[in-house]
C-alpha atoms as a PDB file:
ATOM      1  CA  UNK A   1      16.811   4.458  23.885  1.00  0.00           C
ATOM      2  CA  UNK A   2      17.812   7.848  22.513  1.00  0.00           C
ATOM      3  CA  UNK A   3      15.139  10.409  21.762  1.00  0.00           C
ATOM      4  CA  UNK A   4      14.404  11.214  18.124  1.00  0.00           C
ATOM      5  CA  UNK A   5      14.270  14.513  16.239  1.00  0.00           C
ATOM      6  CA  UNK A   6      13.012  13.215  12.885  1.00  0.00           C
ATOM      7  CA  UNK A   7       9.703  11.414  12.359  1.00  0.00           C
ATOM      8  CA  UNK A   8       9.311   9.888   8.914  1.00  0.00           C
ATOM      9  CA  UNK A   9       5.780   8.726   8.114  1.00  0.00           C
ATOM     10  CA  UNK A  10       5.407   6.687   4.929  1.00  0.00           C
ATOM     11  CA  UNK A  11       2.622   4.755   3.269  1.00  0.00           C
ATOM     12  CA  UNK A  12       1.334   4.058  -0.184  1.00  0.00           C
ATOM     13  CA  UNK A  13      -0.541   6.979  -1.727  1.00  0.00           C
ATOM     14  CA  UNK A  14      -3.939   7.056  -0.003  1.00  0.00           C
ATOM     15  CA  UNK A  15      -2.578   5.337   3.115  1.00  0.00           C
ATOM     16  CA  UNK A  16      -3.371   8.186   5.508  1.00  0.00           C
ATOM     17  CA  UNK A  17      -0.125  10.173   5.792  1.00  0.00           C
ATOM     18  CA  UNK A  18      -1.873  13.544   5.521  1.00  0.00           C
ATOM     19  CA  UNK A  19      -4.445  12.832   8.254  1.00  0.00           C
ATOM     20  CA  UNK A  20      -1.804  11.437  10.614  1.00  0.00           C
ATOM     21  CA  UNK A  21       0.591  14.307   9.882  1.00  0.00           C
ATOM     22  CA  UNK A  22      -2.084  16.924  10.640  1.00  0.00           C
ATOM     23  CA  UNK A  23      -2.830  15.161  13.937  1.00  0.00           C
ATOM     24  CA  UNK A  24       0.858  15.136  14.940  1.00  0.00           C
ATOM     25  CA  UNK A  25       1.338  18.811  14.099  1.00  0.00           C
ATOM     26  CA  UNK A  26      -1.776  19.771  16.088  1.00  0.00           C
ATOM     27  CA  UNK A  27      -0.829  17.610  19.093  1.00  0.00           C
ATOM     28  CA  UNK A  28       2.956  18.047  19.460  1.00  0.00           C
ATOM     29  CA  UNK A  29       4.044  21.681  19.792  1.00  0.00           C
ATOM     30  CA  UNK A  30       7.733  20.952  19.171  1.00  0.00           C
ATOM     31  CA  UNK A  31       7.150  19.214  15.819  1.00  0.00           C
ATOM     32  CA  UNK A  32       7.238  21.105  12.554  1.00  0.00           C
ATOM     33  CA  UNK A  33       6.492  19.842   9.071  1.00  0.00           C
ATOM     34  CA  UNK A  34       9.311  19.306   6.611  1.00  0.00           C
ATOM     35  CA  UNK A  35       8.373  20.853   3.319  1.00  0.00           C
ATOM     36  CA  UNK A  36       9.587  18.717   0.433  1.00  0.00           C
ATOM     37  CA  UNK A  37      10.592  20.012  -2.960  1.00  0.00           C
ATOM     38  CA  UNK A  38       8.904  18.692  -6.089  1.00  0.00           C
ATOM     39  CA  UNK A  39       8.675  19.242  -9.815  1.00  0.00           C
ATOM     40  CA  UNK A  40       5.042  18.101 -10.013  1.00  0.00           C
ATOM     41  CA  UNK A  41       2.267  20.556 -10.797  1.00  0.00           C
ATOM     42  CA  UNK A  42       0.482  22.262  -7.913  1.00  0.00           C
ATOM     43  CA  UNK A  43      -2.904  20.804  -7.037  1.00  0.00           C
ATOM     44  CA  UNK A  44      -5.812  23.102  -6.338  1.00  0.00           C
ATOM     45  CA  UNK A  45      -5.358  24.861  -2.999  1.00  0.00           C
ATOM     46  CA  UNK A  46      -1.659  24.061  -2.634  1.00  0.00           C
ATOM     47  CA  UNK A  47       0.708  26.917  -1.795  1.00  0.00           C
ATOM     48  CA  UNK A  48       4.397  27.091  -2.701  1.00  0.00           C
ATOM     49  CA  UNK A  49       6.515  27.002   0.469  1.00  0.00           C
ATOM     50  CA  UNK A  50       3.618  25.656   2.547  1.00  0.00           C
ATOM     51  CA  UNK A  51       2.684  22.335   0.949  1.00  0.00           C
ATOM     52  CA  UNK A  52       5.814  21.896  -1.187  1.00  0.00           C
ATOM     53  CA  UNK A  53       8.657  23.904  -2.621  1.00  0.00           C
ATOM     54  CA  UNK A  54       7.528  23.753  -6.257  1.00  0.00           C
ATOM     55  CA  UNK A  55      10.596  23.812  -8.514  1.00  0.00           C
ATOM     56  CA  UNK A  56      11.074  23.452 -12.228  1.00  0.00           C
ATOM     57  CA  UNK A  57      13.049  20.431 -13.413  1.00  0.00           C
ATOM     58  CA  UNK A  58      16.209  22.420 -14.204  1.00  0.00           C
ATOM     59  CA  UNK A  59      16.344  24.056 -10.755  1.00  0.00           C
ATOM     60  CA  UNK A  60      15.750  20.702  -9.042  1.00  0.00           C
ATOM     61  CA  UNK A  61      18.516  19.037 -11.054  1.00  0.00           C
ATOM     62  CA  UNK A  62      20.922  21.907 -10.236  1.00  0.00           C
ATOM     63  CA  UNK A  63      20.216  21.367  -6.530  1.00  0.00           C
ATOM     64  CA  UNK A  64      20.951  17.642  -6.990  1.00  0.00           C
ATOM     65  CA  UNK A  65      24.315  18.536  -8.562  1.00  0.00           C
ATOM     66  CA  UNK A  66      25.061  20.903  -5.656  1.00  0.00           C
ATOM     67  CA  UNK A  67      24.311  18.160  -3.079  1.00  0.00           C
ATOM     68  CA  UNK A  68      21.498  20.234  -1.549  1.00  0.00           C
ATOM     69  CA  UNK A  69      19.208  17.220  -1.034  1.00  0.00           C
ATOM     70  CA  UNK A  70      19.326  14.705   1.807  1.00  0.00           C
ATOM     71  CA  UNK A  71      17.262  12.453  -0.423  1.00  0.00           C
ATOM     72  CA  UNK A  72      15.389  12.659  -3.664  1.00  0.00           C
ATOM     73  CA  UNK A  73      13.603  10.340  -6.024  1.00  0.00           C
ATOM     74  CA  UNK A  74      11.873  10.492  -9.354  1.00  0.00           C
ATOM     75  CA  UNK A  75       8.337   9.110  -9.044  1.00  0.00           C
ATOM     76  CA  UNK A  76       5.886   9.059 -11.954  1.00  0.00           C
ATOM     77  CA  UNK A  77       7.989  11.502 -14.028  1.00  0.00           C
ATOM     78  CA  UNK A  78       8.358  14.040 -11.199  1.00  0.00           C
ATOM     79  CA  UNK A  79      11.157  14.648  -8.718  1.00  0.00           C
ATOM     80  CA  UNK A  80      10.516  14.763  -4.977  1.00  0.00           C
ATOM     81  CA  UNK A  81      13.179  15.503  -2.394  1.00  0.00           C
ATOM     82  CA  UNK A  82      14.193  16.844   0.995  1.00  0.00           C
ATOM     83  CA  UNK A  83      16.413  19.890   1.105  1.00  0.00           C
ATOM     84  CA  UNK A  84      19.258  19.570   3.599  1.00  0.00           C
ATOM     85  CA  UNK A  85      18.508  23.131   4.737  1.00  0.00           C
ATOM     86  CA  UNK A  86      15.090  22.002   6.089  1.00  0.00           C
ATOM     87  CA  UNK A  87      16.706  19.587   8.564  1.00  0.00           C
ATOM     88  CA  UNK A  88      19.485  21.988   9.555  1.00  0.00           C
ATOM     89  CA  UNK A  89      16.970  24.770  10.273  1.00  0.00           C
ATOM     90  CA  UNK A  90      14.793  22.517  12.468  1.00  0.00           C
ATOM     91  CA  UNK A  91      17.738  21.199  14.479  1.00  0.00           C
ATOM     92  CA  UNK A  92      19.058  24.740  14.977  1.00  0.00           C
ATOM     93  CA  UNK A  93      15.651  25.757  16.370  1.00  0.00           C
ATOM     94  CA  UNK A  94      15.378  22.665  18.652  1.00  0.00           C
ATOM     95  CA  UNK A  95      12.390  21.356  16.714  1.00  0.00           C
ATOM     96  CA  UNK A  96      11.482  17.829  15.728  1.00  0.00           C
ATOM     97  CA  UNK A  97      10.851  17.450  12.026  1.00  0.00           C
ATOM     98  CA  UNK A  98       7.950  15.508  10.535  1.00  0.00           C
ATOM     99  CA  UNK A  99       8.231  13.976   7.075  1.00  0.00           C
ATOM    100  CA  UNK A 100       5.268  12.808   5.019  1.00  0.00           C
ATOM    101  CA  UNK A 101       7.434  10.870   2.592  1.00  0.00           C
ATOM    102  CA  UNK A 102       7.766   7.817   0.350  1.00  0.00           C
ATOM    103  CA  UNK A 103       9.433   4.670   1.718  1.00  0.00           C
ATOM    104  CA  UNK A 104      12.726   5.060  -0.142  1.00  0.00           C
ATOM    105  CA  UNK A 105      13.073   8.663   0.997  1.00  0.00           C
ATOM    106  CA  UNK A 106      12.378   7.634   4.589  1.00  0.00           C
ATOM    107  CA  UNK A 107      15.091   4.972   4.397  1.00  0.00           C
ATOM    108  CA  UNK A 108      17.560   7.511   2.955  1.00  0.00           C
ATOM    109  CA  UNK A 109      16.903   9.936   5.802  1.00  0.00           C
ATOM    110  CA  UNK A 110      17.351   7.157   8.388  1.00  0.00           C
ATOM    111  CA  UNK A 111      20.635   6.208   6.720  1.00  0.00           C
ATOM    112  CA  UNK A 112      21.966   9.781   6.992  1.00  0.00           C
ATOM    113  CA  UNK A 113      20.493  10.513  10.445  1.00  0.00           C
ATOM    114  CA  UNK A 114      20.293   7.044  12.076  1.00  0.00           C
ATOM    115  CA  UNK A 115      20.296   8.216  15.706  1.00  0.00           C
ATOM    116  CA  UNK A 116      17.743  10.959  15.119  1.00  0.00           C
ATOM    117  CA  UNK A 117      15.152   9.202  12.947  1.00  0.00           C
ATOM    118  CA  UNK A 118      12.108   7.088  13.693  1.00  0.00           C
ATOM    119  CA  UNK A 119      10.358   5.394  10.766  1.00  0.00           C
ATOM    120  CA  UNK A 120       6.601   4.773  10.939  1.00  0.00           C
ATOM    121  CA  UNK A 121       4.813   2.958   8.128  1.00  0.00           C
ATOM    122  CA  UNK A 122       1.047   3.301   7.744  1.00  0.00           C
ATOM    123  CA  UNK A 123      -0.130   0.003   6.324  1.00  0.00           C
ATOM    124  CA  UNK A 124      -3.482  -0.006   4.544  1.00  0.00           C
ATOM    125  CA  UNK A 125      -5.862  -2.757   5.720  1.00  0.00           C
ATOM    126  CA  UNK A 126      -5.856  -4.136   2.152  1.00  0.00           C
ATOM    127  CA  UNK A 127      -5.164  -3.130  -1.438  1.00  0.00           C
ATOM    128  CA  UNK A 128      -8.926  -3.005  -2.035  1.00  0.00           C
ATOM    129  CA  UNK A 129      -9.374  -0.427   0.747  1.00  0.00           C
ATOM    130  CA  UNK A 130      -6.430   1.532  -0.625  1.00  0.00           C
ATOM    131  CA  UNK A 131      -7.953   1.595  -4.113  1.00  0.00           C
ATOM    132  CA  UNK A 132     -11.261   2.786  -2.688  1.00  0.00           C
ATOM    133  CA  UNK A 133      -9.527   5.631  -0.821  1.00  0.00           C
ATOM    134  CA  UNK A 134      -7.684   6.726  -3.967  1.00  0.00           C
ATOM    135  CA  UNK A 135     -10.849   6.663  -6.072  1.00  0.00           C
ATOM    136  CA  UNK A 136     -12.878   8.539  -3.435  1.00  0.00           C
ATOM    137  CA  UNK A 137     -10.430  11.428  -3.081  1.00  0.00           C
ATOM    138  CA  UNK A 138     -10.996  12.225  -6.780  1.00  0.00           C
ATOM    139  CA  UNK A 139      -7.588  13.838  -7.403  1.00  0.00           C
ATOM    140  CA  UNK A 140      -6.253  11.405 -10.007  1.00  0.00           C
ATOM    141  CA  UNK A 141      -7.282   9.549 -13.124  1.00  0.00           C
ATOM    142  CA  UNK A 142      -7.926   5.792 -13.095  1.00  0.00           C
ATOM    143  CA  UNK A 143      -4.606   5.413 -14.954  1.00  0.00           C
ATOM    144  CA  UNK A 144      -2.747   7.307 -12.199  1.00  0.00           C
ATOM    145  CA  UNK A 145      -4.528   5.267  -9.509  1.00  0.00           C
ATOM    146  CA  UNK A 146      -3.449   2.019 -11.207  1.00  0.00           C
ATOM    147  CA  UNK A 147       0.186   3.270 -11.245  1.00  0.00           C
ATOM    148  CA  UNK A 148      -0.032   4.085  -7.539  1.00  0.00           C
ATOM    149  CA  UNK A 149      -1.502   0.673  -6.713  1.00  0.00           C
ATOM    150  CA  UNK A 150       1.259  -1.122  -8.610  1.00  0.00           C
ATOM    151  CA  UNK A 151       3.828   0.861  -6.606  1.00  0.00           C
ATOM    152  CA  UNK A 152       1.977   0.171  -3.317  1.00  0.00           C
ATOM    153  CA  UNK A 153       3.104  -3.451  -3.219  1.00  0.00           C
ATOM    154  CA  UNK A 154       6.791  -2.444  -3.286  1.00  0.00           C
ATOM    155  CA  UNK A 155       6.160   0.241  -0.657  1.00  0.00           C
ATOM    156  CA  UNK A 156       4.384  -2.193   1.656  1.00  0.00           C
ATOM    157  CA  UNK A 157       7.249  -4.661   1.299  1.00  0.00           C
ATOM    158  CA  UNK A 158       9.842  -2.050   2.324  1.00  0.00           C
ATOM    159  CA  UNK A 159       7.565  -0.545   4.984  1.00  0.00           C
ATOM    160  CA  UNK A 160       7.261  -3.778   6.929  1.00  0.00           C
ATOM    161  CA  UNK A 161      10.897  -3.266   8.025  1.00  0.00           C
ATOM    162  CA  UNK A 162      10.310   0.215   9.486  1.00  0.00           C
ATOM    163  CA  UNK A 163      10.701   0.865  13.236  1.00  0.00           C
ATOM    164  CA  UNK A 164       6.907   0.769  13.583  1.00  0.00           C
ATOM    165  CA  UNK A 165       4.103  -0.497  11.332  1.00  0.00           C
ATOM    166  CA  UNK A 166       0.605   0.803  12.090  1.00  0.00           C
ATOM    167  CA  UNK A 167      -2.353  -0.668  10.201  1.00  0.00           C
ATOM    168  CA  UNK A 168      -4.499   2.337   9.340  1.00  0.00           C
ATOM    169  CA  UNK A 169      -7.992   0.896   9.443  1.00  0.00           C
ATOM    170  CA  UNK A 170      -9.914   2.839  12.119  1.00  0.00           C
ATOM    171  CA  UNK A 171      -8.498   6.365  12.324  1.00  0.00           C
ATOM    172  CA  UNK A 172      -9.015   6.793  16.096  1.00  0.00           C
ATOM    173  CA  UNK A 173      -7.074   3.569  16.756  1.00  0.00           C
ATOM    174  CA  UNK A 174      -4.357   4.670  14.346  1.00  0.00           C
ATOM    175  CA  UNK A 175      -3.957   8.064  16.040  1.00  0.00           C
ATOM    176  CA  UNK A 176      -3.792   6.414  19.490  1.00  0.00           C
ATOM    177  CA  UNK A 177      -0.994   4.117  18.286  1.00  0.00           C
ATOM    178  CA  UNK A 178       0.859   7.066  16.752  1.00  0.00           C
ATOM    179  CA  UNK A 179       0.578   8.994  20.057  1.00  0.00           C
ATOM    180  CA  UNK A 180       1.943   6.030  22.013  1.00  0.00           C
ATOM    181  CA  UNK A 181       4.906   5.732  19.623  1.00  0.00           C
ATOM    182  CA  UNK A 182       5.731   9.448  19.699  1.00  0.00           C
ATOM    183  CA  UNK A 183       5.347   9.756  23.481  1.00  0.00           C
ATOM    184  CA  UNK A 184       8.017   7.058  23.826  1.00  0.00           C
ATOM    185  CA  UNK A 185      10.418   8.407  21.220  1.00  0.00           C
ATOM    186  CA  UNK A 186      10.387  12.194  20.881  1.00  0.00           C
ATOM    187  CA  UNK A 187      12.688  14.718  22.513  1.00  0.00           C
END
């Protein structure tokens, strides 16, 4: 099996991508985070160029026209995407790149970089647990949470075909499984 340079972690919103991503970045020195571009508004505490590349809609659409994205998608009226330059920079610096990404974006990256990419889906234990996590983080309205839950079913259906599916129920167990997967697959 060839070693991988791209780790794409996907899950429904509230599925644990952020916690798992922070663990990977703290544990694996040769992994760096891929910073996605988005047109959504910054949340409190987010920094442009650290959490996302925050772009206005016109700039994002110009980059689409110039083929500067490996993948992009419009989700809930906002664009999200991966700039090709992010991957090229990581490869040039002999780094593995970590993506905290939606399922369709992960599949697009795997399609363009099939030999370099490993797909890991974090499956919530249930939709009820997922709803509870979304409500408890208090970052979205009930209306937004309902939209995310309706999308979660589609994401879980696609995610079951990823290279690895990890049920994120007990975080210590989840992180152990993630470590085992990465120790087998990374450069």
